[in-house]
Amino acid sequence: MRKLKIAILMGGPSSEHEVSIKSGLNALKNLNSKKYKAVPVFIDTRGYWLFPGKHEHPLTEPEAILNLEQLKVKAVLIALHGEYGEDGGVQSVLSAGKIPFTGSKSLPSALSMHKVLAGNVFVRAGLLVPESYEIKKSDWKSKSQVVLKHIYNTFGNIVVIKPTNRGSSIGVSLVRIFKNNLHPLDLAIQKAFSVSRHVIAQKYISGREVTCGVLDVSGTAEALMPTEIIPIESSFFDFKAKYEGASKEITPPKKMSLKLIKRIEGVALVAHKALGLKGVTRTDMIIDNDNNIYVLETNTIPGLTEASLIPKQAKTCGISFPKLLDLMIKDALHEA
């Protein structure tokens, strides 16, 4: 059989550039070499595309699309995280070039990455989301003290601050306010604004943190086995916990009833379908003390590194990482 030529996109102009490269290289290492000929494509922090061999010089998007066509690439495996990869940017470029790609289309991707808009979709689908307040940049510049007091009066002593459109917990802070001292809250909002123009304050939900993947192949979506996340050094599943081993990740969760596990899987499926997603996604949730499940966000391009959760969840379901990549590519070609 002639091998299918697959391009693997990694890097990108986002704050998750390095993690994306790790995802891409891990996918490159695990792609079935008997079925596929892989072409690693690095996108630098400026947004230029770098191909191996004679096209090592940076290419613009139109040049890159023409090069993919000349190389006779049959599909693109997107391992780009954050801006450009998960906000619909690269999907628009590939769609314009009529090149099949893994994951969701442009509009559902952009919708999913915007936490406020995605939250509205979740609510309409009957899911629970933590109460949120969108902090407008203009308000923050002109009346920051008013904003700080409003957040404190609304959410109390523990508040989550996060960028509206970033992943991997970049710029996210869990703020504890003592003796009405709002300075830590001020610093957290500044931190979030340093990586995004859009920031939200969110009610803190105390409980068990879980995440559940969905594998959607040829229009048939199935939930993977959920994972419970227990941070070791931090108060929540932050960047360090995700990528530097500072958490315990238990798949499937221990001391959790089968009924609750099925509910988690059901929520992940509803979130995936409500946003109009396809391919592989992962929905992060909090289960409070009354077993209410709150949706935090849905990731449209989950990590594919050796430390990432989706490969582990798939393995628990009997799907090896090479097989998972194979299913993702088959889904992309099916949509073409």
C-alpha atoms as a PDB file:
ATOM      1  CA  MET A   1       0.000   0.000   0.000  1.00  0.00           C
ATOM      2  CA  ARG A   2       1.159   3.517  -0.788  1.00  0.00           C
ATOM      3  CA  LYS A   3       1.686   5.529   2.359  1.00  0.00           C
ATOM      4  CA  LEU A   4      -0.527   8.546   2.982  1.00  0.00           C
ATOM      5  CA  LYS A   5       1.426  11.761   3.395  1.00  0.00           C
ATOM      6  CA  ILE A   6       0.358  13.556   6.594  1.00  0.00           C
ATOM      7  CA  ALA A   7       1.595  16.953   7.755  1.00  0.00           C
ATOM      8  CA  ILE A   8       1.846  17.516  11.510  1.00  0.00           C
ATOM      9  CA  LEU A   9       1.487  21.178  12.502  1.00  0.00           C
ATOM     10  CA  MET A  10       3.211  22.244  15.714  1.00  0.00           C
ATOM     11  CA  GLY A  11       4.513  25.372  17.444  1.00  0.00           C
ATOM     12  CA  GLY A  12       2.525  28.459  16.506  1.00  0.00           C
ATOM     13  CA  PRO A  13       2.351  32.076  17.696  1.00  0.00           C
ATOM     14  CA  SER A  14       0.611  31.297  20.996  1.00  0.00           C
ATOM     15  CA  SER A  15       1.778  31.211  24.601  1.00  0.00           C
ATOM     16  CA  GLU A  16       1.565  27.409  24.319  1.00  0.00           C
ATOM     17  CA  HIS A  17       4.238  27.214  21.605  1.00  0.00           C
ATOM     18  CA  GLU A  18       6.579  24.864  23.490  1.00  0.00           C
ATOM     19  CA  VAL A  19       3.820  22.517  24.638  1.00  0.00           C
ATOM     20  CA  SER A  20       2.551  22.352  21.057  1.00  0.00           C
ATOM     21  CA  ILE A  21       5.982  21.295  19.813  1.00  0.00           C
ATOM     22  CA  LYS A  22       6.029  18.507  22.413  1.00  0.00           C
ATOM     23  CA  SER A  23       2.583  17.363  21.212  1.00  0.00           C
ATOM     24  CA  GLY A  24       3.659  17.436  17.585  1.00  0.00           C
ATOM     25  CA  LEU A  25       6.914  15.570  18.142  1.00  0.00           C
ATOM     26  CA  ASN A  26       5.146  12.914  20.215  1.00  0.00           C
ATOM     27  CA  ALA A  27       2.568  12.461  17.446  1.00  0.00           C
ATOM     28  CA  LEU A  28       5.399  12.271  14.906  1.00  0.00           C
ATOM     29  CA  LYS A  29       7.093   9.550  16.945  1.00  0.00           C
ATOM     30  CA  ASN A  30       3.919   7.491  17.344  1.00  0.00           C
ATOM     31  CA  LEU A  31       2.349   7.827  13.896  1.00  0.00           C
ATOM     32  CA  ASN A  32       2.133   4.423  12.191  1.00  0.00           C
ATOM     33  CA  SER A  33       5.091   4.521   9.790  1.00  0.00           C
ATOM     34  CA  LYS A  34       3.689   1.578   7.810  1.00  0.00           C
ATOM     35  CA  LYS A  35       0.608   3.588   6.838  1.00  0.00           C
ATOM     36  CA  TYR A  36       1.761   7.213   6.884  1.00  0.00           C
ATOM     37  CA  LYS A  37       4.644   9.349   5.725  1.00  0.00           C
ATOM     38  CA  ALA A  38       4.839  12.234   8.179  1.00  0.00           C
ATOM     39  CA  VAL A  39       5.896  15.767   7.271  1.00  0.00           C
ATOM     40  CA  PRO A  40       6.688  17.826  10.410  1.00  0.00           C
ATOM     41  CA  VAL A  41       5.743  21.476   9.923  1.00  0.00           C
ATOM     42  CA  PHE A  42       6.880  24.013  12.515  1.00  0.00           C
ATOM     43  CA  ILE A  43       5.079  27.350  12.788  1.00  0.00           C
ATOM     44  CA  ASP A  44       7.225  29.969  14.472  1.00  0.00           C
ATOM     45  CA  THR A  45       6.078  32.577  16.972  1.00  0.00           C
ATOM     46  CA  ARG A  46       5.596  35.102  14.145  1.00  0.00           C
ATOM     47  CA  GLY A  47       3.197  32.784  12.317  1.00  0.00           C
ATOM     48  CA  TYR A  48       5.564  31.710   9.535  1.00  0.00           C
ATOM     49  CA  TRP A  49       5.549  28.058   8.427  1.00  0.00           C
ATOM     50  CA  LEU A  50       8.785  26.044   8.289  1.00  0.00           C
ATOM     51  CA  PHE A  51       8.996  22.860   6.213  1.00  0.00           C
ATOM     52  CA  PRO A  52      11.867  20.343   6.294  1.00  0.00           C
ATOM     53  CA  GLY A  53      14.325  20.009   3.418  1.00  0.00           C
ATOM     54  CA  LYS A  54      14.623  22.571   0.653  1.00  0.00           C
ATOM     55  CA  HIS A  55      11.783  24.709   2.070  1.00  0.00           C
ATOM     56  CA  GLU A  56      13.443  25.472   5.387  1.00  0.00           C
ATOM     57  CA  HIS A  57      13.021  29.203   4.893  1.00  0.00           C
ATOM     58  CA  PRO A  58       9.879  30.713   6.497  1.00  0.00           C
ATOM     59  CA  LEU A  59       6.732  30.671   4.363  1.00  0.00           C
ATOM     60  CA  THR A  60       3.616  32.824   4.582  1.00  0.00           C
ATOM     61  CA  GLU A  61       0.216  31.130   4.838  1.00  0.00           C
ATOM     62  CA  PRO A  62      -0.534  31.220   1.065  1.00  0.00           C
ATOM     63  CA  GLU A  63       2.957  29.896   0.291  1.00  0.00           C
ATOM     64  CA  ALA A  64       2.534  27.160   2.902  1.00  0.00           C
ATOM     65  CA  ILE A  65      -0.802  26.023   1.453  1.00  0.00           C
ATOM     66  CA  LEU A  66       0.729  25.827  -2.025  1.00  0.00           C
ATOM     67  CA  ASN A  67       3.613  23.834  -0.594  1.00  0.00           C
ATOM     68  CA  LEU A  68       1.249  21.373   1.103  1.00  0.00           C
ATOM     69  CA  GLU A  69      -0.444  20.889  -2.270  1.00  0.00           C
ATOM     70  CA  GLN A  70       2.869  20.419  -4.079  1.00  0.00           C
ATOM     71  CA  LEU A  71       3.958  17.865  -1.478  1.00  0.00           C
ATOM     72  CA  LYS A  72       0.634  16.049  -2.065  1.00  0.00           C
ATOM     73  CA  VAL A  73      -0.246  16.074   1.620  1.00  0.00           C
ATOM     74  CA  LYS A  74      -3.533  14.205   2.096  1.00  0.00           C
ATOM     75  CA  ALA A  75      -4.409  15.575   5.535  1.00  0.00           C
ATOM     76  CA  VAL A  76      -3.043  17.765   8.309  1.00  0.00           C
ATOM     77  CA  LEU A  77      -2.844  16.653  11.925  1.00  0.00           C
ATOM     78  CA  ILE A  78      -3.175  19.832  13.996  1.00  0.00           C
ATOM     79  CA  ALA A  79      -1.112  19.787  17.192  1.00  0.00           C
ATOM     80  CA  LEU A  80      -1.314  23.553  17.706  1.00  0.00           C
ATOM     81  CA  HIS A  81      -2.577  24.721  21.099  1.00  0.00           C
ATOM     82  CA  GLY A  82      -3.920  28.120  22.076  1.00  0.00           C
ATOM     83  CA  GLU A  83      -4.308  31.041  19.688  1.00  0.00           C
ATOM     84  CA  TYR A  84      -4.208  30.226  15.977  1.00  0.00           C
ATOM     85  CA  GLY A  85      -4.537  26.489  16.643  1.00  0.00           C
ATOM     86  CA  GLU A  86      -7.680  26.397  18.779  1.00  0.00           C
ATOM     87  CA  ASP A  87      -9.383  29.674  17.902  1.00  0.00           C
ATOM     88  CA  GLY A  88     -10.235  28.731  14.325  1.00  0.00           C
ATOM     89  CA  GLY A  89      -7.311  30.575  12.714  1.00  0.00           C
ATOM     90  CA  VAL A  90      -5.395  27.715  11.132  1.00  0.00           C
ATOM     91  CA  GLN A  91      -8.653  25.906  10.353  1.00  0.00           C
ATOM     92  CA  SER A  92      -9.749  28.856   8.196  1.00  0.00           C
ATOM     93  CA  VAL A  93      -6.448  28.757   6.309  1.00  0.00           C
ATOM     94  CA  LEU A  94      -6.638  25.004   5.671  1.00  0.00           C
ATOM     95  CA  SER A  95     -10.317  25.170   4.711  1.00  0.00           C
ATOM     96  CA  ALA A  96      -9.543  27.903   2.174  1.00  0.00           C
ATOM     97  CA  GLY A  97      -6.918  25.600   0.674  1.00  0.00           C
ATOM     98  CA  LYS A  98      -9.361  22.648   0.739  1.00  0.00           C
ATOM     99  CA  ILE A  99      -6.907  20.568   2.754  1.00  0.00           C
ATOM    100  CA  PRO A 100      -8.458  18.061   5.204  1.00  0.00           C
ATOM    101  CA  PHE A 101      -7.460  18.487   8.847  1.00  0.00           C
ATOM    102  CA  THR A 102      -8.070  16.823  12.192  1.00  0.00           C
ATOM    103  CA  GLY A 103     -10.445  18.287  14.735  1.00  0.00           C
ATOM    104  CA  SER A 104     -13.233  20.815  14.506  1.00  0.00           C
ATOM    105  CA  LYS A 105     -13.986  23.448  11.894  1.00  0.00           C
ATOM    106  CA  SER A 106     -13.168  27.125  12.304  1.00  0.00           C
ATOM    107  CA  LEU A 107     -16.353  28.556  13.831  1.00  0.00           C
ATOM    108  CA  PRO A 108     -16.934  25.839  16.483  1.00  0.00           C
ATOM    109  CA  SER A 109     -13.249  26.106  17.408  1.00  0.00           C
ATOM    110  CA  ALA A 110     -13.468  29.867  17.912  1.00  0.00           C
ATOM    111  CA  LEU A 111     -16.694  29.518  19.880  1.00  0.00           C
ATOM    112  CA  SER A 112     -15.219  26.883  22.189  1.00  0.00           C
ATOM    113  CA  MET A 113     -12.145  28.940  23.004  1.00  0.00           C
ATOM    114  CA  HIS A 114     -14.186  31.963  24.072  1.00  0.00           C
ATOM    115  CA  LYS A 115     -15.133  30.980  27.618  1.00  0.00           C
ATOM    116  CA  VAL A 116     -18.043  33.429  27.912  1.00  0.00           C
ATOM    117  CA  LEU A 117     -19.703  32.425  24.628  1.00  0.00           C
ATOM    118  CA  ALA A 118     -19.037  28.736  25.240  1.00  0.00           C
ATOM    119  CA  GLY A 119     -20.543  29.086  28.721  1.00  0.00           C
ATOM    120  CA  ASN A 120     -23.729  30.507  27.203  1.00  0.00           C
ATOM    121  CA  VAL A 121     -23.915  27.501  24.889  1.00  0.00           C
ATOM    122  CA  PHE A 122     -23.454  25.130  27.830  1.00  0.00           C
ATOM    123  CA  VAL A 123     -26.271  26.791  29.777  1.00  0.00           C
ATOM    124  CA  ARG A 124     -28.632  26.542  26.808  1.00  0.00           C
ATOM    125  CA  ALA A 125     -27.756  22.844  26.585  1.00  0.00           C
ATOM    126  CA  GLY A 126     -28.813  22.369  30.226  1.00  0.00           C
ATOM    127  CA  LEU A 127     -25.328  22.184  31.737  1.00  0.00           C
ATOM    128  CA  LEU A 128     -24.135  23.940  34.884  1.00  0.00           C
ATOM    129  CA  VAL A 129     -21.343  26.524  34.674  1.00  0.00           C
ATOM    130  CA  PRO A 130     -19.796  28.639  37.451  1.00  0.00           C
ATOM    131  CA  GLU A 131     -21.186  32.155  37.731  1.00  0.00           C
ATOM    132  CA  SER A 132     -18.902  34.555  35.816  1.00  0.00           C
ATOM    133  CA  TYR A 133     -18.298  38.261  35.342  1.00  0.00           C
ATOM    134  CA  GLU A 134     -16.563  39.583  32.224  1.00  0.00           C
ATOM    135  CA  ILE A 135     -14.026  42.304  32.993  1.00  0.00           C
ATOM    136  CA  LYS A 136     -13.919  44.841  30.190  1.00  0.00           C
ATOM    137  CA  LYS A 137     -10.519  46.363  29.499  1.00  0.00           C
ATOM    138  CA  SER A 138     -12.026  49.855  29.303  1.00  0.00           C
ATOM    139  CA  ASP A 139     -13.638  49.463  32.727  1.00  0.00           C
ATOM    140  CA  TRP A 140     -10.427  48.086  34.193  1.00  0.00           C
ATOM    141  CA  LYS A 141      -8.439  51.080  32.938  1.00  0.00           C
ATOM    142  CA  SER A 142     -10.949  53.719  34.023  1.00  0.00           C
ATOM    143  CA  LYS A 143     -12.371  52.340  37.284  1.00  0.00           C
ATOM    144  CA  SER A 144     -10.306  49.398  38.521  1.00  0.00           C
ATOM    145  CA  GLN A 145     -11.269  49.893  42.173  1.00  0.00           C
ATOM    146  CA  VAL A 146     -14.955  49.719  41.293  1.00  0.00           C
ATOM    147  CA  VAL A 147     -14.333  46.501  39.359  1.00  0.00           C
ATOM    148  CA  LEU A 148     -12.345  44.974  42.230  1.00  0.00           C
ATOM    149  CA  LYS A 149     -15.056  45.758  44.786  1.00  0.00           C
ATOM    150  CA  HIS A 150     -17.783  44.406  42.478  1.00  0.00           C
ATOM    151  CA  ILE A 151     -15.925  41.105  42.055  1.00  0.00           C
ATOM    152  CA  TYR A 152     -15.322  40.809  45.800  1.00  0.00           C
ATOM    153  CA  ASN A 153     -18.950  41.624  46.663  1.00  0.00           C
ATOM    154  CA  THR A 154     -20.193  39.156  44.047  1.00  0.00           C
ATOM    155  CA  PHE A 155     -17.916  36.163  44.597  1.00  0.00           C
ATOM    156  CA  GLY A 156     -16.565  36.543  48.132  1.00  0.00           C
ATOM    157  CA  ASN A 157     -13.155  35.590  49.494  1.00  0.00           C
ATOM    158  CA  ILE A 158     -12.142  33.042  46.842  1.00  0.00           C
ATOM    159  CA  VAL A 159     -12.217  34.020  43.161  1.00  0.00           C
ATOM    160  CA  VAL A 160     -10.911  32.476  39.952  1.00  0.00           C
ATOM    161  CA  ILE A 161      -9.437  34.934  37.436  1.00  0.00           C
ATOM    162  CA  LYS A 162      -8.740  33.709  33.916  1.00  0.00           C
ATOM    163  CA  PRO A 163      -8.223  34.953  30.369  1.00  0.00           C
ATOM    164  CA  THR A 164     -11.346  34.477  28.263  1.00  0.00           C
ATOM    165  CA  ASN A 165      -9.548  32.885  25.328  1.00  0.00           C
ATOM    166  CA  ARG A 166      -6.425  31.034  26.456  1.00  0.00           C
ATOM    167  CA  GLY A 167      -5.712  27.373  27.216  1.00  0.00           C
ATOM    168  CA  SER A 168      -3.351  25.292  29.394  1.00  0.00           C
ATOM    169  CA  SER A 169      -4.314  27.461  32.388  1.00  0.00           C
ATOM    170  CA  ILE A 170      -2.099  30.253  31.025  1.00  0.00           C
ATOM    171  CA  GLY A 171      -2.772  33.420  33.036  1.00  0.00           C
ATOM    172  CA  VAL A 172      -5.197  31.691  35.431  1.00  0.00           C
ATOM    173  CA  SER A 173      -5.128  32.500  39.157  1.00  0.00           C
ATOM    174  CA  LEU A 174      -7.016  31.252  42.186  1.00  0.00           C
ATOM    175  CA  VAL A 175      -7.201  34.284  44.473  1.00  0.00           C
ATOM    176  CA  ARG A 176      -7.837  34.120  48.211  1.00  0.00           C
ATOM    177  CA  ILE A 177      -8.744  37.462  49.776  1.00  0.00           C
ATOM    178  CA  PHE A 178      -7.907  38.084  53.426  1.00  0.00           C
ATOM    179  CA  LYS A 179      -9.067  41.028  55.567  1.00  0.00           C
ATOM    180  CA  ASN A 180     -10.575  42.816  52.571  1.00  0.00           C
ATOM    181  CA  ASN A 181      -7.130  43.146  50.967  1.00  0.00           C
ATOM    182  CA  LEU A 182      -7.888  43.349  47.231  1.00  0.00           C
ATOM    183  CA  HIS A 183      -4.261  43.708  46.117  1.00  0.00           C
ATOM    184  CA  PRO A 184      -3.835  39.987  45.218  1.00  0.00           C
ATOM    185  CA  LEU A 185      -7.003  40.229  43.122  1.00  0.00           C
ATOM    186  CA  ASP A 186      -5.593  43.304  41.391  1.00  0.00           C
ATOM    187  CA  LEU A 187      -2.367  41.435  40.572  1.00  0.00           C
ATOM    188  CA  ALA A 188      -4.259  38.397  39.248  1.00  0.00           C
ATOM    189  CA  ILE A 189      -6.323  40.529  36.873  1.00  0.00           C
ATOM    190  CA  GLN A 190      -3.183  42.299  35.634  1.00  0.00           C
ATOM    191  CA  LYS A 191      -1.594  38.884  35.046  1.00  0.00           C
ATOM    192  CA  ALA A 192      -4.588  37.708  32.996  1.00  0.00           C
ATOM    193  CA  PHE A 193      -4.657  40.920  30.957  1.00  0.00           C
ATOM    194  CA  SER A 194      -0.940  40.468  30.212  1.00  0.00           C
ATOM    195  CA  VAL A 195      -1.773  37.422  28.055  1.00  0.00           C
ATOM    196  CA  SER A 196      -5.229  38.359  26.780  1.00  0.00           C
ATOM    197  CA  ARG A 197      -7.399  41.376  26.033  1.00  0.00           C
ATOM    198  CA  HIS A 198     -10.399  39.618  27.579  1.00  0.00           C
ATOM    199  CA  VAL A 199     -10.615  38.469  31.212  1.00  0.00           C
ATOM    200  CA  ILE A 200     -13.317  36.945  33.419  1.00  0.00           C
ATOM    201  CA  ALA A 201     -13.798  36.546  37.150  1.00  0.00           C
ATOM    202  CA  GLN A 202     -15.487  33.317  38.129  1.00  0.00           C
ATOM    203  CA  LYS A 203     -17.059  31.868  41.236  1.00  0.00           C
ATOM    204  CA  TYR A 204     -14.847  29.264  42.862  1.00  0.00           C
ATOM    205  CA  ILE A 205     -16.478  25.834  43.057  1.00  0.00           C
ATOM    206  CA  SER A 206     -14.988  23.634  45.741  1.00  0.00           C
ATOM    207  CA  GLY A 207     -14.919  19.974  44.844  1.00  0.00           C
ATOM    208  CA  ARG A 208     -13.291  17.224  42.792  1.00  0.00           C
ATOM    209  CA  GLU A 209     -11.686  18.230  39.502  1.00  0.00           C
ATOM    210  CA  VAL A 210     -12.277  15.834  36.620  1.00  0.00           C
ATOM    211  CA  THR A 211     -11.807  15.855  32.874  1.00  0.00           C
ATOM    212  CA  CYS A 212     -13.262  13.644  30.163  1.00  0.00           C
ATOM    213  CA  GLY A 213     -12.346  13.204  26.527  1.00  0.00           C
ATOM    214  CA  VAL A 214     -14.671  12.581  23.610  1.00  0.00           C
ATOM    215  CA  LEU A 215     -13.648  10.737  20.452  1.00  0.00           C
ATOM    216  CA  ASP A 216     -15.820  11.675  17.483  1.00  0.00           C
ATOM    217  CA  VAL A 217     -15.100   9.581  14.392  1.00  0.00           C
ATOM    218  CA  SER A 218     -17.217   9.837  11.239  1.00  0.00           C
ATOM    219  CA  GLY A 219     -20.066  11.488  13.144  1.00  0.00           C
ATOM    220  CA  THR A 220     -20.178   8.991  15.997  1.00  0.00           C
ATOM    221  CA  ALA A 221     -19.135  10.507  19.324  1.00  0.00           C
ATOM    222  CA  GLU A 222     -18.138   8.362  22.307  1.00  0.00           C
ATOM    223  CA  ALA A 223     -16.807   9.424  25.686  1.00  0.00           C
ATOM    224  CA  LEU A 224     -13.441   8.191  26.868  1.00  0.00           C
ATOM    225  CA  MET A 225     -12.766   7.186  30.473  1.00  0.00           C
ATOM    226  CA  PRO A 226     -12.742  10.246  32.790  1.00  0.00           C
ATOM    227  CA  THR A 227      -9.713  11.290  34.828  1.00  0.00           C
ATOM    228  CA  GLU A 228      -9.699  12.787  38.300  1.00  0.00           C
ATOM    229  CA  ILE A 229      -7.015  15.426  38.808  1.00  0.00           C
ATOM    230  CA  ILE A 230      -5.507  15.993  42.233  1.00  0.00           C
ATOM    231  CA  PRO A 231      -3.005  18.887  42.245  1.00  0.00           C
ATOM    232  CA  ILE A 232      -0.063  18.297  44.571  1.00  0.00           C
ATOM    233  CA  GLU A 233       1.644  21.686  44.822  1.00  0.00           C
ATOM    234  CA  SER A 234      -1.117  24.071  43.707  1.00  0.00           C
ATOM    235  CA  SER A 235      -4.774  24.719  44.470  1.00  0.00           C
ATOM    236  CA  PHE A 236      -5.984  23.819  40.986  1.00  0.00           C
ATOM    237  CA  PHE A 237      -4.893  22.143  37.731  1.00  0.00           C
ATOM    238  CA  ASP A 238      -2.531  24.912  36.610  1.00  0.00           C
ATOM    239  CA  PHE A 239       0.246  24.838  33.991  1.00  0.00           C
ATOM    240  CA  LYS A 240       2.745  23.297  36.402  1.00  0.00           C
ATOM    241  CA  ALA A 241       0.318  20.567  37.394  1.00  0.00           C
ATOM    242  CA  LYS A 242      -0.513  19.853  33.753  1.00  0.00           C
ATOM    243  CA  TYR A 243       2.967  19.682  32.290  1.00  0.00           C
ATOM    244  CA  GLU A 244       5.504  19.363  35.091  1.00  0.00           C
ATOM    245  CA  GLY A 245       4.088  16.417  37.011  1.00  0.00           C
ATOM    246  CA  ALA A 246       2.757  18.446  39.937  1.00  0.00           C
ATOM    247  CA  SER A 247      -0.505  16.509  40.112  1.00  0.00           C
ATOM    248  CA  LYS A 248      -1.930  13.040  40.529  1.00  0.00           C
ATOM    249  CA  GLU A 249      -4.091  11.959  37.593  1.00  0.00           C
ATOM    250  CA  ILE A 250      -6.261   8.940  38.232  1.00  0.00           C
ATOM    251  CA  THR A 251      -7.998   7.174  35.341  1.00  0.00           C
ATOM    252  CA  PRO A 252     -10.663   6.032  36.075  1.00  0.00           C
ATOM    253  CA  PRO A 253     -11.358   8.033  39.264  1.00  0.00           C
ATOM    254  CA  LYS A 254     -11.153   6.047  42.489  1.00  0.00           C
ATOM    255  CA  LYS A 255     -13.920   6.044  45.091  1.00  0.00           C
ATOM    256  CA  MET A 256     -16.413   7.255  42.519  1.00  0.00           C
ATOM    257  CA  SER A 257     -19.613   5.421  41.667  1.00  0.00           C
ATOM    258  CA  LEU A 258     -20.189   4.086  38.170  1.00  0.00           C
ATOM    259  CA  LYS A 259     -23.325   6.232  38.057  1.00  0.00           C
ATOM    260  CA  LEU A 260     -21.322   9.410  38.631  1.00  0.00           C
ATOM    261  CA  ILE A 261     -18.689   8.367  36.086  1.00  0.00           C
ATOM    262  CA  LYS A 262     -21.452   7.869  33.502  1.00  0.00           C
ATOM    263  CA  ARG A 263     -22.829  11.325  34.354  1.00  0.00           C
ATOM    264  CA  ILE A 264     -19.389  12.841  33.742  1.00  0.00           C
ATOM    265  CA  GLU A 265     -19.183  11.099  30.378  1.00  0.00           C
ATOM    266  CA  GLY A 266     -22.669  12.331  29.542  1.00  0.00           C
ATOM    267  CA  VAL A 267     -21.748  15.934  30.335  1.00  0.00           C
ATOM    268  CA  ALA A 268     -18.647  15.697  28.136  1.00  0.00           C
ATOM    269  CA  LEU A 269     -20.754  14.397  25.243  1.00  0.00           C
ATOM    270  CA  VAL A 270     -23.392  17.122  25.660  1.00  0.00           C
ATOM    271  CA  ALA A 271     -20.694  19.834  25.747  1.00  0.00           C
ATOM    272  CA  HIS A 272     -18.973  18.398  22.665  1.00  0.00           C
ATOM    273  CA  LYS A 273     -22.196  18.210  20.650  1.00  0.00           C
ATOM    274  CA  ALA A 274     -23.596  21.549  21.849  1.00  0.00           C
ATOM    275  CA  LEU A 275     -20.502  23.336  20.550  1.00  0.00           C
ATOM    276  CA  GLY A 276     -20.686  21.484  17.236  1.00  0.00           C
ATOM    277  CA  LEU A 277     -17.265  19.866  17.648  1.00  0.00           C
ATOM    278  CA  LYS A 278     -15.674  16.838  16.041  1.00  0.00           C
ATOM    279  CA  GLY A 279     -12.474  14.823  16.298  1.00  0.00           C
ATOM    280  CA  VAL A 280     -11.028  14.609  19.826  1.00  0.00           C
ATOM    281  CA  THR A 281     -12.013  17.049  22.576  1.00  0.00           C
ATOM    282  CA  ARG A 282     -11.619  17.184  26.358  1.00  0.00           C
ATOM    283  CA  THR A 283     -14.046  18.842  28.775  1.00  0.00           C
ATOM    284  CA  ASP A 284     -12.856  19.991  32.208  1.00  0.00           C
ATOM    285  CA  MET A 285     -15.329  19.902  35.105  1.00  0.00           C
ATOM    286  CA  ILE A 286     -15.718  20.375  38.851  1.00  0.00           C
ATOM    287  CA  ILE A 287     -17.965  18.130  40.969  1.00  0.00           C
ATOM    288  CA  ASP A 288     -19.152  19.959  44.076  1.00  0.00           C
ATOM    289  CA  ASN A 289     -19.962  18.383  47.443  1.00  0.00           C
ATOM    290  CA  ASP A 290     -23.550  17.698  46.320  1.00  0.00           C
ATOM    291  CA  ASN A 291     -22.348  15.889  43.163  1.00  0.00           C
ATOM    292  CA  ASN A 292     -23.407  18.745  40.889  1.00  0.00           C
ATOM    293  CA  ILE A 293     -21.187  18.796  37.801  1.00  0.00           C
ATOM    294  CA  TYR A 294     -19.993  22.224  36.633  1.00  0.00           C
ATOM    295  CA  VAL A 295     -18.390  22.607  33.207  1.00  0.00           C
ATOM    296  CA  LEU A 296     -15.267  24.790  33.123  1.00  0.00           C
ATOM    297  CA  GLU A 297     -14.294  24.566  29.465  1.00  0.00           C
ATOM    298  CA  THR A 298     -13.936  22.286  26.460  1.00  0.00           C
ATOM    299  CA  ASN A 299     -10.550  21.954  24.774  1.00  0.00           C
ATOM    300  CA  THR A 300     -10.773  21.385  21.019  1.00  0.00           C
ATOM    301  CA  ILE A 301      -7.134  20.328  20.556  1.00  0.00           C
ATOM    302  CA  PRO A 302      -6.102  18.543  23.757  1.00  0.00           C
ATOM    303  CA  GLY A 303      -2.442  17.907  24.419  1.00  0.00           C
ATOM    304  CA  LEU A 304      -0.734  14.943  22.764  1.00  0.00           C
ATOM    305  CA  THR A 305       2.444  14.955  24.856  1.00  0.00           C
ATOM    306  CA  GLU A 306       3.603  11.967  26.880  1.00  0.00           C
ATOM    307  CA  ALA A 307       2.134  13.660  29.972  1.00  0.00           C
ATOM    308  CA  SER A 308      -1.196  14.519  28.335  1.00  0.00           C
ATOM    309  CA  LEU A 309      -4.506  13.103  29.502  1.00  0.00           C
ATOM    310  CA  ILE A 310      -6.220  12.150  26.246  1.00  0.00           C
ATOM    311  CA  PRO A 311      -3.677   9.440  25.286  1.00  0.00           C
ATOM    312  CA  LYS A 312      -3.984   8.013  28.806  1.00  0.00           C
ATOM    313  CA  GLN A 313      -7.793   8.028  28.716  1.00  0.00           C
ATOM    314  CA  ALA A 314      -7.778   6.388  25.294  1.00  0.00           C
ATOM    315  CA  LYS A 315      -5.336   3.720  26.507  1.00  0.00           C
ATOM    316  CA  THR A 316      -7.671   2.916  29.411  1.00  0.00           C
ATOM    317  CA  CYS A 317     -10.390   2.320  26.792  1.00  0.00           C
ATOM    318  CA  GLY A 318      -8.112  -0.048  24.852  1.00  0.00           C
ATOM    319  CA  ILE A 319      -7.023   2.504  22.235  1.00  0.00           C
ATOM    320  CA  SER A 320      -3.255   2.832  21.813  1.00  0.00           C
ATOM    321  CA  PHE A 321      -1.786   6.228  20.947  1.00  0.00           C
ATOM    322  CA  PRO A 322      -0.899   5.190  17.345  1.00  0.00           C
ATOM    323  CA  LYS A 323      -4.464   3.917  16.954  1.00  0.00           C
ATOM    324  CA  LEU A 324      -5.868   7.179  18.340  1.00  0.00           C
ATOM    325  CA  LEU A 325      -3.842   9.167  15.789  1.00  0.00           C
ATOM    326  CA  ASP A 326      -5.063   6.804  13.075  1.00  0.00           C
ATOM    327  CA  LEU A 327      -8.691   7.406  14.072  1.00  0.00           C
ATOM    328  CA  MET A 328      -8.160  11.166  14.069  1.00  0.00           C
ATOM    329  CA  ILE A 329      -6.721  11.072  10.551  1.00  0.00           C
ATOM    330  CA  LYS A 330      -9.479   8.766   9.303  1.00  0.00           C
ATOM    331  CA  ASP A 331     -12.040  11.228  10.620  1.00  0.00           C
ATOM    332  CA  ALA A 332     -10.328  14.111   8.818  1.00  0.00           C
ATOM    333  CA  LEU A 333     -10.309  12.189   5.533  1.00  0.00           C
ATOM    334  CA  HIS A 334     -13.929  11.140   6.022  1.00  0.00           C
ATOM    335  CA  GLU A 335     -14.970  14.803   6.187  1.00  0.00           C
ATOM    336  CA  ALA A 336     -13.027  15.689   3.023  1.00  0.00           C
END
